C-alpha atoms as a PDB file:
ATOM      1  CA  MET A   1     -10.362 -22.339 -10.254  1.00  0.00           C
ATOM      2  CA  VAL A   2      -7.561 -24.218  -8.568  1.00  0.00           C
ATOM      3  CA  LYS A   3      -7.023 -23.337  -5.242  1.00  0.00           C
ATOM      4  CA  LYS A   4      -3.832 -21.785  -4.778  1.00  0.00           C
ATOM      5  CA  SER A   5      -2.043 -21.569  -1.501  1.00  0.00           C
ATOM      6  CA  LYS A   6      -1.421 -17.966   0.627  1.00  0.00           C
ATOM      7  CA  ILE A   7       2.340 -18.363  -0.428  1.00  0.00           C
ATOM      8  CA  VAL A   8       2.017 -18.866  -3.888  1.00  0.00           C
ATOM      9  CA  LEU A   9      -0.478 -15.997  -4.330  1.00  0.00           C
ATOM     10  CA  ASN A  10       1.866 -13.702  -2.476  1.00  0.00           C
ATOM     11  CA  MET A  11       4.490 -14.715  -4.579  1.00  0.00           C
ATOM     12  CA  TYR A  12       2.724 -13.695  -7.600  1.00  0.00           C
ATOM     13  CA  LYS A  13       1.615 -10.359  -5.736  1.00  0.00           C
ATOM     14  CA  LYS A  14       5.089  -9.703  -5.332  1.00  0.00           C
ATOM     15  CA  ALA A  15       6.327 -10.766  -9.059  1.00  0.00           C
ATOM     16  CA  PHE A  16       3.997  -8.691 -10.462  1.00  0.00           C
ATOM     17  CA  GLU A  17       4.506  -5.706  -8.487  1.00  0.00           C
ATOM     18  CA  SER A  18       8.453  -6.549  -8.763  1.00  0.00           C
ATOM     19  CA  VAL A  19       8.247  -6.692 -12.778  1.00  0.00           C
ATOM     20  CA  ALA A  20       5.778  -3.878 -12.993  1.00  0.00           C
ATOM     21  CA  LEU A  21       8.636  -1.410 -11.294  1.00  0.00           C
ATOM     22  CA  LYS A  22      11.252  -3.135 -13.349  1.00  0.00           C
ATOM     23  CA  GLY A  23       9.422  -2.151 -16.699  1.00  0.00           C
ATOM     24  CA  GLN A  24       8.884   1.420 -15.390  1.00  0.00           C
ATOM     25  CA  SER A  25      12.418   1.944 -14.778  1.00  0.00           C
ATOM     26  CA  LEU A  26      13.226   0.314 -18.222  1.00  0.00           C
ATOM     27  CA  ALA A  27      10.926   2.583 -20.026  1.00  0.00           C
ATOM     28  CA  ILE A  28      12.409   5.848 -18.229  1.00  0.00           C
ATOM     29  CA  SER A  29      15.638   4.240 -19.254  1.00  0.00           C
ATOM     30  CA  CYS A  30      14.848   4.020 -22.651  1.00  0.00           C
ATOM     31  CA  VAL A  31      13.167   7.742 -23.018  1.00  0.00           C
ATOM     32  CA  GLU A  32      16.289   9.108 -21.614  1.00  0.00           C
ATOM     33  CA  GLY A  33      18.464   6.961 -24.430  1.00  0.00           C
ATOM     34  CA  GLU A  34      20.109   5.194 -21.450  1.00  0.00           C
ATOM     35  CA  ILE A  35      19.234   1.897 -23.096  1.00  0.00           C
ATOM     36  CA  SER A  36      17.888   0.608 -26.663  1.00  0.00           C
ATOM     37  CA  TYR A  37      14.398  -0.583 -26.433  1.00  0.00           C
ATOM     38  CA  GLU A  38      15.246  -3.945 -27.526  1.00  0.00           C
ATOM     39  CA  ASP A  39      17.985  -4.428 -24.795  1.00  0.00           C
ATOM     40  CA  ALA A  40      14.937  -3.563 -22.262  1.00  0.00           C
ATOM     41  CA  PHE A  41      12.698  -5.539 -23.591  1.00  0.00           C
ATOM     42  CA  ILE A  42      15.066  -8.668 -23.645  1.00  0.00           C
ATOM     43  CA  GLU A  43      16.011  -7.698 -19.745  1.00  0.00           C
ATOM     44  CA  LEU A  44      12.352  -7.558 -18.948  1.00  0.00           C
ATOM     45  CA  ILE A  45      11.617 -10.960 -20.629  1.00  0.00           C
ATOM     46  CA  ASP A  46      14.813 -12.273 -18.438  1.00  0.00           C
ATOM     47  CA  ASP A  47      13.269 -11.043 -15.423  1.00  0.00           C
ATOM     48  CA  LEU A  48       9.678 -12.370 -16.144  1.00  0.00           C
ATOM     49  CA  THR A  49      11.487 -16.019 -17.008  1.00  0.00           C
ATOM     50  CA  SER A  50      12.995 -15.946 -13.528  1.00  0.00           C
ATOM     51  CA  VAL A  51      10.237 -15.187 -11.720  1.00  0.00           C
ATOM     52  CA  GLU A  52       8.557 -17.660 -13.588  1.00  0.00           C
ATOM     53  CA  MET A  53      10.844 -20.334 -12.646  1.00  0.00           C
ATOM     54  CA  ALA A  54      10.732 -19.175  -8.954  1.00  0.00           C
ATOM     55  CA  ILE A  55       6.977 -19.516  -8.782  1.00  0.00           C
ATOM     56  CA  GLU A  56       7.089 -23.054 -10.452  1.00  0.00           C
ATOM     57  CA  THR A  57       9.816 -24.133  -7.849  1.00  0.00           C
ATOM     58  CA  ALA A  58       7.583 -22.745  -4.843  1.00  0.00           C
ATOM     59  CA  LYS A  59       4.618 -24.490  -6.364  1.00  0.00           C
ATOM     60  CA  LYS A  60       7.001 -28.184  -6.532  1.00  0.00           C
ATOM     61  CA  GLU A  61       8.098 -27.448  -3.088  1.00  0.00           C
ATOM     62  CA  GLU A  62       4.835 -26.722  -1.761  1.00  0.00           C
ATOM     63  CA  GLU A  63       3.200 -29.795  -3.197  1.00  0.00           C
ATOM     64  CA  PHE A  64       6.382 -32.009  -1.932  1.00  0.00           C
ATOM     65  CA  TYR A  65       6.441 -30.590   1.705  1.00  0.00           C
ATOM     66  CA  GLY A  66       2.514 -29.930   1.827  1.00  0.00           C
END
């Protein structure tokens, strides 16, 4: 396994927690009829994409700055 820095590992942990909480919130909104399942899914995918981009940026900065 590739050794990851504590910064990147911490980002994965916080990102997972954030996306999990967002997913729970969206699920409740779907059940209560506040948002469609399709819109909730799209919103969750957008969040995951943003998180992935932030992690990739952090990895690149870490490689560059050491």
